[in-house]
Structures are given as C-alpha cells and as structure tokens.
Amino acid sequence: MTEDIHLNNSVLKVSHTIVSENRPTLIFLHDSLGCIELWRDFPQLLGEAIHCNVLVYDRQGYGKSEPFSSVDRENDYLEVEADVLNLLMEKLSIKTVFLFGHSDGGSIALIAAAKYPKKIKGVITEGAHIFVEGITLQGIKVAVEAYRTTNLPEKLAKYHGNKTEAVFWAWANTWLSEDFKSWTIEHFLPYIQCPVLVIQGEEDEYGSLAQVEGIISQITSETQKYIIPSIGHTPHKEAKELVLAKTVKFVNQI
C-alpha cells in the first residue's frame, strides 16, 4: 500500500506492507540521494525472509514527497529526520521497529535508536557516518564533478523530478561547508540500548572503517560488524544476497 502521509506541515510518500499487526515493522531509511524506488526489491525480500511488516518512505524533499520547505539545511538535519521518523511511527501506531538505514539513513537510524530506545528493537546500518572524514569529502567532490560534467542530473531526475537540484546541492553544499567539518553524532551512541549490526563495504568511497570502529566502540549494547570485501558504499545492491543473509540471521537472533 502506497499513500501520502501528512506530517509536520509536509506530505511524505510512504509504502507500507503489512503481514501481521502482531509482527515488528522493518523501516528503511534511504541515503542522501535516495528514495523508495532506489531500494528496488530489497525491502520486500528482507521483509518476506523475516516475516515482518515493511515500511519505506521518501523523506521530505526526496522522491515523490513534497519539496524541501527551505533550501538552507541546518547541521542537525539528521537529528531532525530522526524526530520526523518518530512522528511517523506515532502517526501509523507502529510500536515495535527494526531500522535499516543506508548512509544518511544509517546515521538517522542510530540517532533514532538513541532518542527513542523503547521503540527500536534493532538497527542495521550500511555506510553510516558518525563524523566527517577526508575520504567522505573527497567522495562528495567526485560526485559534484560528475553532476556538473555527466548525465548524473538526468539519472537522478528519474526519481526526484524537479526537486533534483535541491536534493543534490542540499547534500553536497552541507557536507562541504566549513561549518559542517565539526559535525558528529558520537554523543548519541552510548544511549543506544538495542542490538546493532554495522555493515560496510571494504572499499566504501564515502567512509573508512574508522566509522565502523567508532560505532562499535561507543555503543554499550550488543554490536556486530560485517565488512564486505571488494565492494563500495551500497552493500545492499553490490552484495545483495550476502547482506540479506547476514541481516536475516541478525534479526532472527533478536
């Protein structure tokens, strides 16, 4: 079921598959240029494998949701998104949740687990960031060059339409700004109470394994790390079967 959810003076596009009211809900949080469609069939496959309800949504400004309310993004925008996620769970009366977050979505998942621990049963992150690294900034600079010189804008426009410029530059300009260099969410990590699975490609072009070690070392609850050789920033696409199998095992243990 796909529907528009009115929330926080905005409208979010939400796709929700319910297998049982008594089962947990697996919520997917997309990356900085992502949306529902770019997850492809991964959410459905994972939901079927663990027999959970599945919720995927376009954050405001992305995909088929409403445009950003402002072109200026504050440095705490990921914490704001964690609060929006909580409001969405309240709106839909979702009480037991697993979060699967990719990149920005992984950071949002970690913040949400810290701020709303009673609701979050487990977290799976892919390529999540907890601080700014040189490799991250270099990866974004490469993406900026591609946006200016290749057909990347046209590719993104298939998913974001006339919001594409705003989506891309909100990400690039925020992360490349001088003010953002001191950004961190490390102070949230000790408040996480649920098990966390940290997935990262060994050749991730947007973050080093220091991100993984930083997450693992600062969370006091049960943690697992899964480093996949020879892949980059999008494990659920580059190594889909491996990520599915590892995530199914992690959730079933919980």
C-alpha atoms as a PDB file:
ATOM      1  CA  MET A   1       0.000   0.000   0.000  1.00  0.00           C
ATOM      2  CA  THR A   2       1.402   3.395  -1.010  1.00  0.00           C
ATOM      3  CA  GLU A   3      -0.081   6.537   0.465  1.00  0.00           C
ATOM      4  CA  ASP A   4       0.588  10.175   1.256  1.00  0.00           C
ATOM      5  CA  ILE A   5       1.089  10.877   4.963  1.00  0.00           C
ATOM      6  CA  HIS A   6       0.557  14.433   6.186  1.00  0.00           C
ATOM      7  CA  LEU A   7       3.192  15.117   8.797  1.00  0.00           C
ATOM      8  CA  ASN A   8       4.887  18.191  10.218  1.00  0.00           C
ATOM      9  CA  ASN A   9       3.311  20.558   7.675  1.00  0.00           C
ATOM     10  CA  SER A  10       4.526  18.335   4.848  1.00  0.00           C
ATOM     11  CA  VAL A  11       3.418  15.315   2.833  1.00  0.00           C
ATOM     12  CA  LEU A  12       5.583  12.174   2.767  1.00  0.00           C
ATOM     13  CA  LYS A  13       5.165   9.323   0.300  1.00  0.00           C
ATOM     14  CA  VAL A  14       5.004   6.068   2.274  1.00  0.00           C
ATOM     15  CA  SER A  15       4.908   2.448   1.101  1.00  0.00           C
ATOM     16  CA  HIS A  16       3.670   0.033   3.775  1.00  0.00           C
ATOM     17  CA  THR A  17       3.341  -3.761   3.529  1.00  0.00           C
ATOM     18  CA  ILE A  18       1.553  -5.368   6.480  1.00  0.00           C
ATOM     19  CA  VAL A  19       1.845  -9.115   7.035  1.00  0.00           C
ATOM     20  CA  SER A  20       0.541  -9.123  10.615  1.00  0.00           C
ATOM     21  CA  GLU A  21      -0.361  -6.489  13.171  1.00  0.00           C
ATOM     22  CA  ASN A  22       1.481  -8.598  15.749  1.00  0.00           C
ATOM     23  CA  ARG A  23       4.801  -8.632  13.887  1.00  0.00           C
ATOM     24  CA  PRO A  24       7.508  -5.934  14.111  1.00  0.00           C
ATOM     25  CA  THR A  25       7.862  -3.369  11.340  1.00  0.00           C
ATOM     26  CA  LEU A  26      11.072  -3.078   9.354  1.00  0.00           C
ATOM     27  CA  ILE A  27      11.586   0.586   8.388  1.00  0.00           C
ATOM     28  CA  PHE A  28      14.023   1.539   5.631  1.00  0.00           C
ATOM     29  CA  LEU A  29      15.838   4.889   5.699  1.00  0.00           C
ATOM     30  CA  HIS A  30      17.379   5.938   2.391  1.00  0.00           C
ATOM     31  CA  ASP A  31      20.643   7.718   1.704  1.00  0.00           C
ATOM     32  CA  SER A  32      21.344  11.357   0.809  1.00  0.00           C
ATOM     33  CA  LEU A  33      20.272  10.971  -2.842  1.00  0.00           C
ATOM     34  CA  GLY A  34      17.838   8.097  -2.386  1.00  0.00           C
ATOM     35  CA  CYS A  35      14.118   7.374  -2.297  1.00  0.00           C
ATOM     36  CA  ILE A  36      11.658   4.468  -2.170  1.00  0.00           C
ATOM     37  CA  GLU A  37      12.264   3.390  -5.767  1.00  0.00           C
ATOM     38  CA  LEU A  38      16.032   3.213  -5.426  1.00  0.00           C
ATOM     39  CA  TRP A  39      15.758   0.450  -2.828  1.00  0.00           C
ATOM     40  CA  ARG A  40      14.440  -1.764  -5.673  1.00  0.00           C
ATOM     41  CA  ASP A  41      13.158  -5.114  -4.331  1.00  0.00           C
ATOM     42  CA  PHE A  42      15.458  -5.305  -1.307  1.00  0.00           C
ATOM     43  CA  PRO A  43      12.906  -4.218   1.354  1.00  0.00           C
ATOM     44  CA  GLN A  44      10.310  -6.696   0.130  1.00  0.00           C
ATOM     45  CA  LEU A  45      12.808  -9.573   0.011  1.00  0.00           C
ATOM     46  CA  LEU A  46      14.055  -8.872   3.521  1.00  0.00           C
ATOM     47  CA  GLY A  47      10.540  -8.418   4.889  1.00  0.00           C
ATOM     48  CA  GLU A  48       9.445 -11.753   3.441  1.00  0.00           C
ATOM     49  CA  ALA A  49      12.540 -13.526   4.772  1.00  0.00           C
ATOM     50  CA  ILE A  50      11.939 -12.420   8.371  1.00  0.00           C
ATOM     51  CA  HIS A  51       8.137 -12.240   8.128  1.00  0.00           C
ATOM     52  CA  CYS A  52       7.950  -8.599   9.208  1.00  0.00           C
ATOM     53  CA  ASN A  53       5.840  -5.666   8.133  1.00  0.00           C
ATOM     54  CA  VAL A  54       7.787  -3.314   5.839  1.00  0.00           C
ATOM     55  CA  LEU A  55       7.681   0.469   5.663  1.00  0.00           C
ATOM     56  CA  VAL A  56       9.692   2.510   3.158  1.00  0.00           C
ATOM     57  CA  TYR A  57       9.273   6.249   2.734  1.00  0.00           C
ATOM     58  CA  ASP A  58      10.617   9.240   0.848  1.00  0.00           C
ATOM     59  CA  ARG A  59      11.882  11.827   3.302  1.00  0.00           C
ATOM     60  CA  GLN A  60      10.714  15.365   2.633  1.00  0.00           C
ATOM     61  CA  GLY A  61      12.389  16.727  -0.491  1.00  0.00           C
ATOM     62  CA  TYR A  62      13.074  13.291  -1.998  1.00  0.00           C
ATOM     63  CA  GLY A  63      11.323  11.038  -4.500  1.00  0.00           C
ATOM     64  CA  LYS A  64       7.577  11.631  -4.545  1.00  0.00           C
ATOM     65  CA  SER A  65       7.371  13.505  -1.233  1.00  0.00           C
ATOM     66  CA  GLU A  66       6.871  17.262  -1.081  1.00  0.00           C
ATOM     67  CA  PRO A  67       9.875  19.569  -1.785  1.00  0.00           C
ATOM     68  CA  PHE A  68      12.111  20.866   0.981  1.00  0.00           C
ATOM     69  CA  SER A  69      10.454  23.639   2.939  1.00  0.00           C
ATOM     70  CA  SER A  70      13.763  25.560   2.863  1.00  0.00           C
ATOM     71  CA  VAL A  71      16.869  25.359   0.670  1.00  0.00           C
ATOM     72  CA  ASP A  72      19.020  26.053   3.734  1.00  0.00           C
ATOM     73  CA  ARG A  73      19.864  22.938   5.722  1.00  0.00           C
ATOM     74  CA  GLU A  74      20.947  23.097   9.360  1.00  0.00           C
ATOM     75  CA  ASN A  75      23.838  20.976  10.599  1.00  0.00           C
ATOM     76  CA  ASP A  76      21.466  18.955  12.820  1.00  0.00           C
ATOM     77  CA  TYR A  77      19.304  17.906   9.851  1.00  0.00           C
ATOM     78  CA  LEU A  78      19.818  14.194  10.553  1.00  0.00           C
ATOM     79  CA  GLU A  79      18.585  14.549  14.131  1.00  0.00           C
ATOM     80  CA  VAL A  80      15.556  16.414  12.772  1.00  0.00           C
ATOM     81  CA  GLU A  81      14.916  13.439  10.462  1.00  0.00           C
ATOM     82  CA  ALA A  82      15.102  11.060  13.437  1.00  0.00           C
ATOM     83  CA  ASP A  83      12.394  13.129  15.119  1.00  0.00           C
ATOM     84  CA  VAL A  84      10.287  13.009  11.939  1.00  0.00           C
ATOM     85  CA  LEU A  85      10.686   9.233  11.921  1.00  0.00           C
ATOM     86  CA  ASN A  86       9.352   9.108  15.474  1.00  0.00           C
ATOM     87  CA  LEU A  87       6.344  11.227  14.479  1.00  0.00           C
ATOM     88  CA  LEU A  88       5.714   8.911  11.528  1.00  0.00           C
ATOM     89  CA  MET A  89       5.773   5.868  13.815  1.00  0.00           C
ATOM     90  CA  GLU A  90       3.304   7.601  16.129  1.00  0.00           C
ATOM     91  CA  LYS A  91       1.059   8.589  13.220  1.00  0.00           C
ATOM     92  CA  LEU A  92       0.921   4.988  11.976  1.00  0.00           C
ATOM     93  CA  SER A  93       0.741   3.474  15.510  1.00  0.00           C
ATOM     94  CA  ILE A  94       3.909   1.452  14.957  1.00  0.00           C
ATOM     95  CA  LYS A  95       5.279   0.284  18.289  1.00  0.00           C
ATOM     96  CA  THR A  96       7.992  -2.331  17.575  1.00  0.00           C
ATOM     97  CA  VAL A  97      10.581  -1.487  14.943  1.00  0.00           C
ATOM     98  CA  PHE A  98      13.752  -2.635  13.257  1.00  0.00           C
ATOM     99  CA  LEU A  99      15.572   0.140  11.388  1.00  0.00           C
ATOM    100  CA  PHE A 100      17.618  -0.478   8.236  1.00  0.00           C
ATOM    101  CA  GLY A 101      19.473   2.683   7.245  1.00  0.00           C
ATOM    102  CA  HIS A 102      21.854   3.346   4.376  1.00  0.00           C
ATOM    103  CA  SER A 103      24.423   6.193   4.591  1.00  0.00           C
ATOM    104  CA  ASP A 104      22.488   9.248   5.863  1.00  0.00           C
ATOM    105  CA  GLY A 105      19.723   6.786   6.688  1.00  0.00           C
ATOM    106  CA  GLY A 106      22.131   4.787   8.834  1.00  0.00           C
ATOM    107  CA  SER A 107      23.048   7.885  10.788  1.00  0.00           C
ATOM    108  CA  ILE A 108      19.350   8.677  11.249  1.00  0.00           C
ATOM    109  CA  ALA A 109      18.745   5.129  12.493  1.00  0.00           C
ATOM    110  CA  LEU A 110      21.476   5.444  15.126  1.00  0.00           C
ATOM    111  CA  ILE A 111      20.129   8.784  16.358  1.00  0.00           C
ATOM    112  CA  ALA A 112      16.558   7.455  16.482  1.00  0.00           C
ATOM    113  CA  ALA A 113      17.648   4.383  18.458  1.00  0.00           C
ATOM    114  CA  ALA A 114      19.374   6.660  20.976  1.00  0.00           C
ATOM    115  CA  LYS A 115      16.476   9.103  21.333  1.00  0.00           C
ATOM    116  CA  TYR A 116      13.595   6.607  21.239  1.00  0.00           C
ATOM    117  CA  PRO A 117      15.051   3.395  22.716  1.00  0.00           C
ATOM    118  CA  LYS A 118      11.742   1.871  23.829  1.00  0.00           C
ATOM    119  CA  LYS A 119      10.504   1.684  20.229  1.00  0.00           C
ATOM    120  CA  ILE A 120      13.589   0.410  18.419  1.00  0.00           C
ATOM    121  CA  LYS A 121      14.227  -3.335  18.719  1.00  0.00           C
ATOM    122  CA  GLY A 122      17.301  -3.455  16.472  1.00  0.00           C
ATOM    123  CA  VAL A 123      19.317  -1.373  13.994  1.00  0.00           C
ATOM    124  CA  ILE A 124      21.108  -2.322  10.792  1.00  0.00           C
ATOM    125  CA  THR A 125      23.337   0.330   9.223  1.00  0.00           C
ATOM    126  CA  GLU A 126      25.166   0.421   5.890  1.00  0.00           C
ATOM    127  CA  GLY A 127      27.877   3.004   5.326  1.00  0.00           C
ATOM    128  CA  ALA A 128      26.644   5.151   8.217  1.00  0.00           C
ATOM    129  CA  HIS A 129      28.615   8.238   9.228  1.00  0.00           C
ATOM    130  CA  ILE A 130      29.170   9.405  12.793  1.00  0.00           C
ATOM    131  CA  PHE A 131      31.737  12.117  11.972  1.00  0.00           C
ATOM    132  CA  VAL A 132      33.205  13.856   8.916  1.00  0.00           C
ATOM    133  CA  GLU A 133      36.252  12.308   7.231  1.00  0.00           C
ATOM    134  CA  GLY A 134      38.512  13.426   4.404  1.00  0.00           C
ATOM    135  CA  ILE A 135      37.503  10.392   2.349  1.00  0.00           C
ATOM    136  CA  THR A 136      33.862  11.429   2.674  1.00  0.00           C
ATOM    137  CA  LEU A 137      34.534  14.953   1.443  1.00  0.00           C
ATOM    138  CA  GLN A 138      36.656  13.648  -1.427  1.00  0.00           C
ATOM    139  CA  GLY A 139      33.873  11.275  -2.462  1.00  0.00           C
ATOM    140  CA  ILE A 140      31.392  14.140  -2.474  1.00  0.00           C
ATOM    141  CA  LYS A 141      33.737  16.300  -4.549  1.00  0.00           C
ATOM    142  CA  VAL A 142      33.938  13.498  -7.120  1.00  0.00           C
ATOM    143  CA  ALA A 143      30.129  13.341  -7.158  1.00  0.00           C
ATOM    144  CA  VAL A 144      29.929  17.132  -7.655  1.00  0.00           C
ATOM    145  CA  GLU A 145      32.234  16.878 -10.655  1.00  0.00           C
ATOM    146  CA  ALA A 146      30.106  14.062 -12.076  1.00  0.00           C
ATOM    147  CA  TYR A 147      26.959  16.122 -11.522  1.00  0.00           C
ATOM    148  CA  ARG A 148      28.475  19.008 -13.483  1.00  0.00           C
ATOM    149  CA  THR A 149      30.003  17.003 -16.329  1.00  0.00           C
ATOM    150  CA  THR A 150      27.946  13.830 -16.852  1.00  0.00           C
ATOM    151  CA  ASN A 151      24.318  12.776 -17.179  1.00  0.00           C
ATOM    152  CA  LEU A 152      24.005  12.263 -13.402  1.00  0.00           C
ATOM    153  CA  PRO A 153      21.355  15.041 -13.136  1.00  0.00           C
ATOM    154  CA  GLU A 154      19.180  13.228 -15.683  1.00  0.00           C
ATOM    155  CA  LYS A 155      19.578   9.927 -13.837  1.00  0.00           C
ATOM    156  CA  LEU A 156      18.563  11.483 -10.524  1.00  0.00           C
ATOM    157  CA  ALA A 157      15.667  13.351 -12.153  1.00  0.00           C
ATOM    158  CA  LYS A 158      14.019   9.992 -12.931  1.00  0.00           C
ATOM    159  CA  TYR A 159      13.416   9.669  -9.203  1.00  0.00           C
ATOM    160  CA  HIS A 160      13.332  13.216  -7.825  1.00  0.00           C
ATOM    161  CA  GLY A 161      11.869  15.159 -10.781  1.00  0.00           C
ATOM    162  CA  ASN A 162      12.118  18.916 -10.472  1.00  0.00           C
ATOM    163  CA  LYS A 163      13.464  18.505  -6.926  1.00  0.00           C
ATOM    164  CA  THR A 164      16.748  17.068  -8.236  1.00  0.00           C
ATOM    165  CA  GLU A 165      18.816  20.254  -7.985  1.00  0.00           C
ATOM    166  CA  ALA A 166      17.652  20.860  -4.429  1.00  0.00           C
ATOM    167  CA  VAL A 167      18.318  17.235  -3.405  1.00  0.00           C
ATOM    168  CA  PHE A 168      21.837  17.157  -4.793  1.00  0.00           C
ATOM    169  CA  TRP A 169      23.044  20.539  -3.588  1.00  0.00           C
ATOM    170  CA  ALA A 170      21.446  20.209  -0.144  1.00  0.00           C
ATOM    171  CA  TRP A 171      23.697  17.192   0.345  1.00  0.00           C
ATOM    172  CA  ALA A 172      26.862  18.458  -1.334  1.00  0.00           C
ATOM    173  CA  ASN A 173      26.805  22.023  -0.018  1.00  0.00           C
ATOM    174  CA  THR A 174      26.060  20.957   3.551  1.00  0.00           C
ATOM    175  CA  TRP A 175      28.808  18.357   3.790  1.00  0.00           C
ATOM    176  CA  LEU A 176      31.397  20.501   2.007  1.00  0.00           C
ATOM    177  CA  SER A 177      30.726  23.594   4.123  1.00  0.00           C
ATOM    178  CA  GLU A 178      33.296  24.756   6.628  1.00  0.00           C
ATOM    179  CA  ASP A 179      30.757  24.694   9.465  1.00  0.00           C
ATOM    180  CA  PHE A 180      29.944  21.028   8.905  1.00  0.00           C
ATOM    181  CA  LYS A 181      33.511  19.762   9.374  1.00  0.00           C
ATOM    182  CA  SER A 182      32.990  19.520  13.132  1.00  0.00           C
ATOM    183  CA  TRP A 183      29.687  17.592  12.787  1.00  0.00           C
ATOM    184  CA  THR A 184      29.386  14.397  14.812  1.00  0.00           C
ATOM    185  CA  ILE A 185      26.688  12.163  16.275  1.00  0.00           C
ATOM    186  CA  GLU A 186      29.063  10.260  18.567  1.00  0.00           C
ATOM    187  CA  HIS A 187      27.402  11.725  21.669  1.00  0.00           C
ATOM    188  CA  PHE A 188      24.211   9.787  20.825  1.00  0.00           C
ATOM    189  CA  LEU A 189      25.837   6.364  20.616  1.00  0.00           C
ATOM    190  CA  PRO A 190      26.111   5.497  24.347  1.00  0.00           C
ATOM    191  CA  TYR A 191      22.328   5.894  24.684  1.00  0.00           C
ATOM    192  CA  ILE A 192      21.533   3.121  22.207  1.00  0.00           C
ATOM    193  CA  GLN A 193      20.079   0.104  24.022  1.00  0.00           C
ATOM    194  CA  CYS A 194      19.202  -2.282  21.187  1.00  0.00           C
ATOM    195  CA  PRO A 195      21.469  -4.647  19.202  1.00  0.00           C
ATOM    196  CA  VAL A 196      23.191  -3.010  16.199  1.00  0.00           C
ATOM    197  CA  LEU A 197      24.592  -4.599  13.038  1.00  0.00           C
ATOM    198  CA  VAL A 198      27.108  -2.350  11.264  1.00  0.00           C
ATOM    199  CA  ILE A 199      27.646  -3.209   7.590  1.00  0.00           C
ATOM    200  CA  GLN A 200      30.241  -1.543   5.376  1.00  0.00           C
ATOM    201  CA  GLY A 201      31.967  -2.209   2.080  1.00  0.00           C
ATOM    202  CA  GLU A 202      35.720  -2.505   2.473  1.00  0.00           C
ATOM    203  CA  GLU A 203      36.159  -0.124  -0.469  1.00  0.00           C
ATOM    204  CA  ASP A 204      33.477   2.379   0.575  1.00  0.00           C
ATOM    205  CA  GLU A 205      34.286   5.594  -1.271  1.00  0.00           C
ATOM    206  CA  TYR A 206      32.488   7.758   1.311  1.00  0.00           C
ATOM    207  CA  GLY A 207      33.863   6.465   4.597  1.00  0.00           C
ATOM    208  CA  SER A 208      36.694   4.469   6.148  1.00  0.00           C
ATOM    209  CA  LEU A 209      36.460   1.605   8.612  1.00  0.00           C
ATOM    210  CA  ALA A 210      37.052   4.201  11.342  1.00  0.00           C
ATOM    211  CA  GLN A 211      33.321   4.889  11.101  1.00  0.00           C
ATOM    212  CA  VAL A 212      32.568   1.244  11.875  1.00  0.00           C
ATOM    213  CA  GLU A 213      35.043   1.070  14.750  1.00  0.00           C
ATOM    214  CA  GLY A 214      33.707   4.344  16.144  1.00  0.00           C
ATOM    215  CA  ILE A 215      30.161   2.985  16.197  1.00  0.00           C
ATOM    216  CA  ILE A 216      31.132  -0.366  17.676  1.00  0.00           C
ATOM    217  CA  SER A 217      33.363   1.097  20.398  1.00  0.00           C
ATOM    218  CA  GLN A 218      30.852   3.664  21.665  1.00  0.00           C
ATOM    219  CA  ILE A 219      27.667   1.594  21.763  1.00  0.00           C
ATOM    220  CA  THR A 220      27.261  -0.302  25.027  1.00  0.00           C
ATOM    221  CA  SER A 221      24.589  -2.724  23.762  1.00  0.00           C
ATOM    222  CA  GLU A 222      25.294  -5.798  21.627  1.00  0.00           C
ATOM    223  CA  THR A 223      27.019  -4.939  18.337  1.00  0.00           C
ATOM    224  CA  GLN A 224      28.176  -6.837  15.279  1.00  0.00           C
ATOM    225  CA  LYS A 225      30.228  -5.621  12.346  1.00  0.00           C
ATOM    226  CA  TYR A 226      30.134  -7.042   8.837  1.00  0.00           C
ATOM    227  CA  ILE A 227      32.833  -5.784   6.479  1.00  0.00           C
ATOM    228  CA  ILE A 228      32.348  -6.982   2.901  1.00  0.00           C
ATOM    229  CA  PRO A 229      35.486  -7.137   0.711  1.00  0.00           C
ATOM    230  CA  SER A 230      35.701  -5.617  -2.780  1.00  0.00           C
ATOM    231  CA  ILE A 231      32.530  -3.501  -2.635  1.00  0.00           C
ATOM    232  CA  GLY A 232      31.770   0.175  -2.087  1.00  0.00           C
ATOM    233  CA  HIS A 233      29.111   2.340  -0.465  1.00  0.00           C
ATOM    234  CA  THR A 234      25.951   0.388  -1.361  1.00  0.00           C
ATOM    235  CA  PRO A 235      26.205  -3.169   0.021  1.00  0.00           C
ATOM    236  CA  HIS A 236      22.502  -3.990  -0.453  1.00  0.00           C
ATOM    237  CA  LYS A 237      22.986  -3.528  -4.208  1.00  0.00           C
ATOM    238  CA  GLU A 238      26.589  -4.657  -4.649  1.00  0.00           C
ATOM    239  CA  ALA A 239      26.300  -7.756  -2.450  1.00  0.00           C
ATOM    240  CA  LYS A 240      22.560  -8.193  -2.033  1.00  0.00           C
ATOM    241  CA  GLU A 241      22.488 -11.893  -1.143  1.00  0.00           C
ATOM    242  CA  LEU A 242      25.236 -11.517   1.472  1.00  0.00           C
ATOM    243  CA  VAL A 243      23.502  -8.566   3.111  1.00  0.00           C
ATOM    244  CA  LEU A 244      20.139 -10.339   3.084  1.00  0.00           C
ATOM    245  CA  ALA A 245      21.592 -13.462   4.701  1.00  0.00           C
ATOM    246  CA  LYS A 246      23.510 -11.536   7.374  1.00  0.00           C
ATOM    247  CA  THR A 247      20.534  -9.320   8.219  1.00  0.00           C
ATOM    248  CA  VAL A 248      18.111 -12.248   8.429  1.00  0.00           C
ATOM    249  CA  LYS A 249      20.468 -14.028  10.846  1.00  0.00           C
ATOM    250  CA  PHE A 250      20.871 -10.858  12.942  1.00  0.00           C
ATOM    251  CA  VAL A 251      17.143 -10.197  13.223  1.00  0.00           C
ATOM    252  CA  ASN A 252      16.302 -13.844  13.949  1.00  0.00           C
ATOM    253  CA  GLN A 253      18.805 -13.847  16.827  1.00  0.00           C
ATOM    254  CA  ILE A 254      16.910 -10.955  18.363  1.00  0.00           C
END
